[in-house]
N, C-alpha and C. Protein backbone atom coordinates (compact mmCIF):
# COMPACT_ATOMS: atom_id res chain seq x y z
N UNK A 1 139.67 76.80 108.47
CA UNK A 1 140.01 76.03 109.66
C UNK A 1 141.11 75.02 109.30
N UNK A 2 141.99 74.80 110.24
CA UNK A 2 143.09 73.87 110.03
C UNK A 2 142.99 72.78 111.08
N UNK A 3 143.10 71.55 110.65
CA UNK A 3 143.14 70.44 111.59
C UNK A 3 144.48 69.74 111.48
N UNK A 4 145.06 69.45 112.63
CA UNK A 4 146.36 68.79 112.69
C UNK A 4 146.20 67.49 113.47
N UNK A 5 146.71 66.41 112.91
CA UNK A 5 146.59 65.11 113.57
C UNK A 5 147.96 64.47 113.65
N UNK A 6 148.44 64.31 114.87
CA UNK A 6 149.74 63.69 115.08
C UNK A 6 149.62 62.17 115.17
N UNK A 7 150.69 61.50 114.82
CA UNK A 7 150.78 60.04 114.99
C UNK A 7 152.24 59.66 115.12
N UNK A 8 152.48 58.43 115.55
CA UNK A 8 153.84 57.93 115.63
C UNK A 8 154.43 57.88 117.01
N UNK A 9 153.70 58.38 118.00
CA UNK A 9 154.22 58.31 119.35
C UNK A 9 154.21 56.89 119.88
N UNK A 10 154.83 56.72 121.04
CA UNK A 10 154.87 55.40 121.65
C UNK A 10 155.94 55.31 122.70
N UNK A 11 156.28 54.09 123.06
CA UNK A 11 157.29 53.84 124.08
C UNK A 11 158.54 53.30 123.41
N UNK A 12 159.68 53.77 123.89
CA UNK A 12 160.96 53.35 123.32
C UNK A 12 162.01 53.37 124.40
N UNK A 13 163.02 52.56 124.26
CA UNK A 13 164.11 52.57 125.22
C UNK A 13 165.09 53.69 124.90
N UNK A 14 165.80 54.12 125.90
CA UNK A 14 166.80 55.16 125.72
C UNK A 14 167.79 54.75 124.63
N UNK A 15 168.11 55.74 123.79
CA UNK A 15 168.98 55.47 122.65
C UNK A 15 168.24 55.12 121.38
N UNK A 16 166.95 54.87 121.51
CA UNK A 16 166.15 54.49 120.35
C UNK A 16 165.66 55.69 119.55
N UNK A 17 164.84 55.38 118.56
CA UNK A 17 164.34 56.40 117.63
C UNK A 17 162.83 56.27 117.44
N UNK A 18 162.21 57.39 117.13
CA UNK A 18 160.81 57.43 116.74
C UNK A 18 160.64 58.48 115.66
N UNK A 19 159.63 58.30 114.84
CA UNK A 19 159.31 59.30 113.83
C UNK A 19 157.85 59.71 114.00
N UNK A 20 157.65 60.98 114.31
CA UNK A 20 156.30 61.52 114.45
C UNK A 20 155.85 62.11 113.12
N UNK A 21 154.57 61.99 112.86
CA UNK A 21 153.97 62.58 111.67
C UNK A 21 152.84 63.50 112.07
N UNK A 22 152.62 64.51 111.26
CA UNK A 22 151.52 65.45 111.49
C UNK A 22 150.80 65.66 110.17
N UNK A 23 149.59 65.17 110.09
CA UNK A 23 148.78 65.36 108.89
C UNK A 23 148.01 66.66 109.01
N UNK A 24 148.11 67.49 108.00
CA UNK A 24 147.51 68.82 108.02
C UNK A 24 146.38 68.90 107.02
N UNK A 25 145.22 69.30 107.48
CA UNK A 25 144.06 69.38 106.58
C UNK A 25 143.92 70.78 106.02
N UNK A 26 144.89 71.17 105.22
CA UNK A 26 144.82 72.52 104.64
C UNK A 26 145.74 72.56 103.43
N UNK A 27 145.24 73.06 102.34
CA UNK A 27 146.04 73.10 101.12
C UNK A 27 147.14 74.14 101.15
N UNK A 28 147.00 75.17 101.99
CA UNK A 28 147.99 76.24 102.00
C UNK A 28 149.13 75.94 102.97
N UNK A 29 149.33 74.68 103.28
CA UNK A 29 150.42 74.30 104.18
C UNK A 29 151.74 74.91 103.74
N UNK A 30 151.95 75.03 102.44
CA UNK A 30 153.26 75.46 101.94
C UNK A 30 153.63 76.85 102.42
N UNK A 31 152.66 77.68 102.79
CA UNK A 31 152.98 79.03 103.24
C UNK A 31 153.04 79.15 104.76
N UNK A 32 152.69 78.10 105.46
CA UNK A 32 152.66 78.15 106.92
C UNK A 32 153.98 77.72 107.52
N UNK A 33 154.26 78.28 108.67
CA UNK A 33 155.36 77.78 109.48
C UNK A 33 154.80 76.65 110.34
N UNK A 34 155.46 75.53 110.33
CA UNK A 34 155.02 74.37 111.11
C UNK A 34 156.01 74.11 112.23
N UNK A 35 155.48 73.78 113.39
CA UNK A 35 156.34 73.55 114.53
C UNK A 35 155.95 72.31 115.31
N UNK A 36 156.91 71.82 116.04
CA UNK A 36 156.68 70.75 117.03
C UNK A 36 157.03 71.30 118.41
N UNK A 37 156.14 71.06 119.35
CA UNK A 37 156.36 71.43 120.74
C UNK A 37 156.17 70.18 121.59
N UNK A 38 156.60 70.26 122.81
CA UNK A 38 156.36 69.16 123.73
C UNK A 38 156.09 69.70 125.12
N UNK A 39 155.37 68.88 125.89
CA UNK A 39 155.05 69.25 127.26
C UNK A 39 155.18 68.03 128.15
N UNK A 40 156.14 68.10 129.04
CA UNK A 40 156.32 67.03 130.02
C UNK A 40 155.42 67.29 131.21
N UNK A 41 155.15 66.25 131.96
CA UNK A 41 154.25 66.35 133.11
C UNK A 41 154.76 67.41 134.09
N UNK A 42 153.92 68.36 134.40
CA UNK A 42 154.27 69.39 135.36
C UNK A 42 155.15 70.51 134.82
N UNK A 43 155.40 70.50 133.52
CA UNK A 43 156.26 71.53 132.93
C UNK A 43 155.51 72.32 131.86
N UNK A 44 156.08 73.45 131.49
CA UNK A 44 155.48 74.27 130.46
C UNK A 44 155.76 73.66 129.08
N UNK A 45 154.90 74.03 128.15
CA UNK A 45 155.10 73.57 126.78
C UNK A 45 156.34 74.25 126.20
N UNK A 46 157.19 73.48 125.55
CA UNK A 46 158.42 74.04 125.04
C UNK A 46 158.60 73.74 123.54
N UNK A 47 159.29 74.64 122.89
CA UNK A 47 159.57 74.53 121.47
C UNK A 47 160.58 73.41 121.22
N UNK A 48 160.30 72.60 120.22
CA UNK A 48 161.21 71.51 119.85
C UNK A 48 161.87 71.80 118.50
N UNK A 49 161.04 72.08 117.50
CA UNK A 49 161.57 72.31 116.16
C UNK A 49 160.53 73.02 115.31
N UNK A 50 161.00 73.76 114.31
CA UNK A 50 160.09 74.43 113.39
C UNK A 50 160.69 74.51 112.01
N UNK A 51 159.82 74.66 111.01
CA UNK A 51 160.28 74.73 109.62
C UNK A 51 159.36 75.66 108.86
N UNK A 52 159.93 76.52 108.04
CA UNK A 52 159.07 77.43 107.28
C UNK A 52 158.89 76.91 105.85
N UNK A 53 158.24 77.73 105.02
CA UNK A 53 157.90 77.30 103.67
C UNK A 53 159.14 77.01 102.84
N UNK A 54 160.24 77.69 103.16
CA UNK A 54 161.49 77.53 102.41
C UNK A 54 162.39 76.48 103.05
N UNK A 55 161.81 75.71 103.96
CA UNK A 55 162.53 74.64 104.65
C UNK A 55 163.70 75.14 105.48
N UNK A 56 163.58 76.37 105.96
CA UNK A 56 164.53 76.84 106.97
C UNK A 56 164.11 76.21 108.30
N UNK A 57 165.05 75.58 108.97
CA UNK A 57 164.74 74.82 110.19
C UNK A 57 165.35 75.49 111.42
N UNK A 58 164.63 75.40 112.51
CA UNK A 58 165.11 75.89 113.80
C UNK A 58 164.83 74.82 114.84
N UNK A 59 165.78 74.62 115.78
CA UNK A 59 165.63 73.57 116.79
C UNK A 59 165.83 74.12 118.19
N UNK A 60 165.16 73.49 119.13
CA UNK A 60 165.42 73.78 120.52
C UNK A 60 166.80 73.26 120.90
N UNK A 61 167.42 73.91 121.87
CA UNK A 61 168.80 73.56 122.22
C UNK A 61 168.93 72.10 122.69
N UNK A 62 167.92 71.59 123.34
CA UNK A 62 168.03 70.25 123.92
C UNK A 62 167.91 69.14 122.88
N UNK A 63 167.49 69.47 121.66
CA UNK A 63 167.30 68.43 120.65
C UNK A 63 168.21 68.58 119.44
N UNK A 64 168.98 69.66 119.41
CA UNK A 64 169.88 69.88 118.26
C UNK A 64 170.81 68.70 118.06
N UNK A 65 170.93 68.29 116.80
CA UNK A 65 171.81 67.18 116.47
C UNK A 65 171.17 65.82 116.65
N UNK A 66 169.98 65.77 117.27
CA UNK A 66 169.31 64.49 117.49
C UNK A 66 167.98 64.40 116.75
N UNK A 67 167.29 65.53 116.63
CA UNK A 67 165.97 65.57 116.00
C UNK A 67 166.08 66.27 114.65
N UNK A 68 165.23 65.86 113.71
CA UNK A 68 165.17 66.49 112.40
C UNK A 68 163.72 66.72 112.00
N UNK A 69 163.39 67.94 111.66
CA UNK A 69 162.05 68.26 111.19
C UNK A 69 162.07 68.35 109.67
N UNK A 70 161.00 67.88 109.05
CA UNK A 70 160.89 67.97 107.60
C UNK A 70 159.42 68.14 107.23
N UNK A 71 159.19 68.53 105.99
CA UNK A 71 157.81 68.73 105.55
C UNK A 71 157.65 68.23 104.12
N UNK A 72 156.49 67.68 103.85
CA UNK A 72 156.13 67.21 102.52
C UNK A 72 154.87 67.97 102.13
N UNK A 73 155.06 69.08 101.43
CA UNK A 73 153.92 69.93 101.11
C UNK A 73 152.93 69.23 100.18
N UNK A 74 153.42 68.38 99.32
CA UNK A 74 152.53 67.70 98.37
C UNK A 74 151.55 66.80 99.10
N UNK A 75 151.99 66.24 100.23
CA UNK A 75 151.14 65.34 101.00
C UNK A 75 150.63 65.96 102.29
N UNK A 76 150.87 67.29 102.46
CA UNK A 76 150.38 68.01 103.64
C UNK A 76 150.77 67.31 104.94
N UNK A 77 152.05 66.98 105.04
CA UNK A 77 152.52 66.26 106.22
C UNK A 77 153.84 66.86 106.70
N UNK A 78 153.96 66.92 108.01
CA UNK A 78 155.19 67.36 108.65
C UNK A 78 155.70 66.21 109.52
N UNK A 79 157.01 66.04 109.53
CA UNK A 79 157.60 64.93 110.26
C UNK A 79 158.59 65.44 111.31
N UNK A 80 158.78 64.62 112.34
CA UNK A 80 159.82 64.86 113.32
C UNK A 80 160.53 63.54 113.55
N UNK A 81 161.75 63.44 113.03
CA UNK A 81 162.57 62.26 113.26
C UNK A 81 163.36 62.47 114.54
N UNK A 82 163.19 61.56 115.49
CA UNK A 82 163.83 61.70 116.79
C UNK A 82 164.78 60.54 117.01
N UNK A 83 166.06 60.85 117.13
CA UNK A 83 167.09 59.85 117.35
C UNK A 83 167.75 60.05 118.71
N UNK A 84 168.45 59.04 119.16
CA UNK A 84 169.17 59.10 120.44
C UNK A 84 168.28 59.63 121.56
N UNK A 85 167.10 59.06 121.65
CA UNK A 85 166.14 59.52 122.65
C UNK A 85 166.63 59.21 124.06
N UNK A 86 166.33 60.10 124.98
CA UNK A 86 166.65 59.88 126.38
C UNK A 86 165.43 60.16 127.24
N UNK A 87 165.57 59.87 128.53
CA UNK A 87 164.43 59.96 129.43
C UNK A 87 163.82 61.37 129.44
N UNK A 88 164.66 62.39 129.29
CA UNK A 88 164.19 63.77 129.33
C UNK A 88 163.34 64.14 128.10
N UNK A 89 163.31 63.28 127.10
CA UNK A 89 162.47 63.54 125.92
C UNK A 89 161.04 63.05 126.13
N UNK A 90 160.78 62.40 127.26
CA UNK A 90 159.43 61.93 127.55
C UNK A 90 158.48 63.11 127.71
N UNK A 91 157.42 63.12 126.90
CA UNK A 91 156.48 64.23 126.92
C UNK A 91 155.34 63.94 125.93
N UNK A 92 154.34 64.80 125.99
CA UNK A 92 153.34 64.81 124.92
C UNK A 92 153.85 65.77 123.84
N UNK A 93 153.88 65.31 122.61
CA UNK A 93 154.40 66.11 121.51
C UNK A 93 153.23 66.64 120.68
N UNK A 94 153.29 67.94 120.40
CA UNK A 94 152.23 68.62 119.67
C UNK A 94 152.76 69.20 118.36
N UNK A 95 151.97 69.04 117.33
CA UNK A 95 152.22 69.71 116.06
C UNK A 95 151.42 71.02 116.06
N UNK A 96 152.00 72.06 115.48
CA UNK A 96 151.33 73.35 115.48
C UNK A 96 151.60 74.09 114.18
N UNK A 97 150.68 74.97 113.83
CA UNK A 97 150.81 75.77 112.61
C UNK A 97 150.72 77.26 112.93
N UNK A 98 151.65 78.01 112.38
CA UNK A 98 151.63 79.47 112.47
C UNK A 98 151.22 79.97 111.09
N UNK A 99 149.99 80.43 110.96
CA UNK A 99 149.46 80.80 109.66
C UNK A 99 149.57 82.30 109.37
N UNK A 100 150.24 83.02 110.25
CA UNK A 100 150.42 84.46 110.03
C UNK A 100 151.44 84.67 108.92
N UNK A 101 150.98 85.18 107.77
CA UNK A 101 151.86 85.33 106.60
C UNK A 101 153.00 86.33 106.87
N UNK A 102 152.83 87.23 107.82
CA UNK A 102 153.90 88.19 108.11
C UNK A 102 155.09 87.52 108.77
N UNK A 103 154.90 86.30 109.26
CA UNK A 103 156.01 85.57 109.90
C UNK A 103 156.45 84.38 109.04
N UNK A 104 156.06 84.34 107.79
CA UNK A 104 156.33 83.15 106.98
C UNK A 104 157.82 82.91 106.74
N UNK A 105 158.64 83.97 106.91
CA UNK A 105 160.08 83.82 106.72
C UNK A 105 160.79 83.53 108.04
N UNK A 106 160.04 83.49 109.11
CA UNK A 106 160.64 83.41 110.44
C UNK A 106 159.99 82.27 111.21
N UNK A 107 160.79 81.43 111.82
CA UNK A 107 160.26 80.33 112.62
C UNK A 107 160.23 80.77 114.09
N UNK A 108 159.04 81.01 114.59
CA UNK A 108 158.91 81.44 115.97
C UNK A 108 159.06 80.26 116.93
N UNK A 109 159.63 80.54 118.10
CA UNK A 109 159.73 79.54 119.17
C UNK A 109 158.64 79.73 120.22
N UNK A 110 157.76 80.71 119.99
CA UNK A 110 156.77 81.08 120.99
C UNK A 110 155.45 80.35 120.79
N UNK A 111 154.94 79.77 121.86
CA UNK A 111 153.66 79.08 121.81
C UNK A 111 152.57 80.01 121.30
N UNK A 112 152.59 81.26 121.74
CA UNK A 112 151.53 82.22 121.42
C UNK A 112 151.44 82.54 119.93
N UNK A 113 152.49 82.27 119.17
CA UNK A 113 152.48 82.61 117.74
C UNK A 113 151.83 81.51 116.89
N UNK A 114 151.55 80.38 117.46
CA UNK A 114 150.97 79.27 116.71
C UNK A 114 149.47 79.23 116.98
N UNK A 115 148.68 79.28 115.92
CA UNK A 115 147.23 79.41 116.11
C UNK A 115 146.45 78.11 115.92
N UNK A 116 147.09 77.07 115.43
CA UNK A 116 146.40 75.78 115.32
C UNK A 116 147.29 74.69 115.94
N UNK A 117 146.63 73.78 116.66
CA UNK A 117 147.35 72.74 117.39
C UNK A 117 146.68 71.39 117.18
N UNK A 118 147.52 70.35 117.18
CA UNK A 118 146.98 69.01 117.20
C UNK A 118 146.64 68.58 118.61
N UNK A 119 146.16 67.36 118.73
CA UNK A 119 145.73 66.86 120.05
C UNK A 119 146.88 66.30 120.86
N UNK A 120 148.02 66.09 120.21
CA UNK A 120 149.20 65.59 120.91
C UNK A 120 149.35 64.09 120.81
N UNK A 121 150.61 63.65 120.89
CA UNK A 121 150.91 62.22 120.90
C UNK A 121 151.98 61.97 121.96
N UNK A 122 151.78 60.95 122.75
CA UNK A 122 152.67 60.66 123.87
C UNK A 122 153.92 59.93 123.40
N UNK A 123 155.06 60.42 123.89
CA UNK A 123 156.34 59.75 123.68
C UNK A 123 156.91 59.43 125.06
N UNK A 124 157.20 58.17 125.29
CA UNK A 124 157.73 57.73 126.57
C UNK A 124 159.05 57.02 126.33
N UNK A 125 160.10 57.52 126.98
CA UNK A 125 161.43 56.92 126.84
C UNK A 125 161.81 56.30 128.18
N UNK A 126 162.13 55.04 128.15
CA UNK A 126 162.50 54.34 129.38
C UNK A 126 164.02 54.14 129.41
N UNK A 127 164.54 54.28 130.60
CA UNK A 127 166.00 54.15 130.74
C UNK A 127 166.41 52.71 130.98
């Protein structure tokens, strides 16, 4: 079983920054693909960023150049650094793990490919 616990959410003004953390309760984190998704009120959950064991990173189009995903396998933690935040970034942010070893070289953007999820952390950006 894998447990994911997000932290670091909060309220920030447009143009500001936040850093989200995801603590993973599993020693095999190094082989998993880790992702961040978000869900705004009334919208579907969307892919934000993902990183595989080899630190290959993939980003959603709306966050490219502003967000950075990273992972610290020694401390079982995944981070999402969010800069230049705007109102459209307001959402609940979820950390997720894709533990399917057949996809370990590929960062999926699909919600269905991630089998473990955190409880989410709210990010609110005010204009």
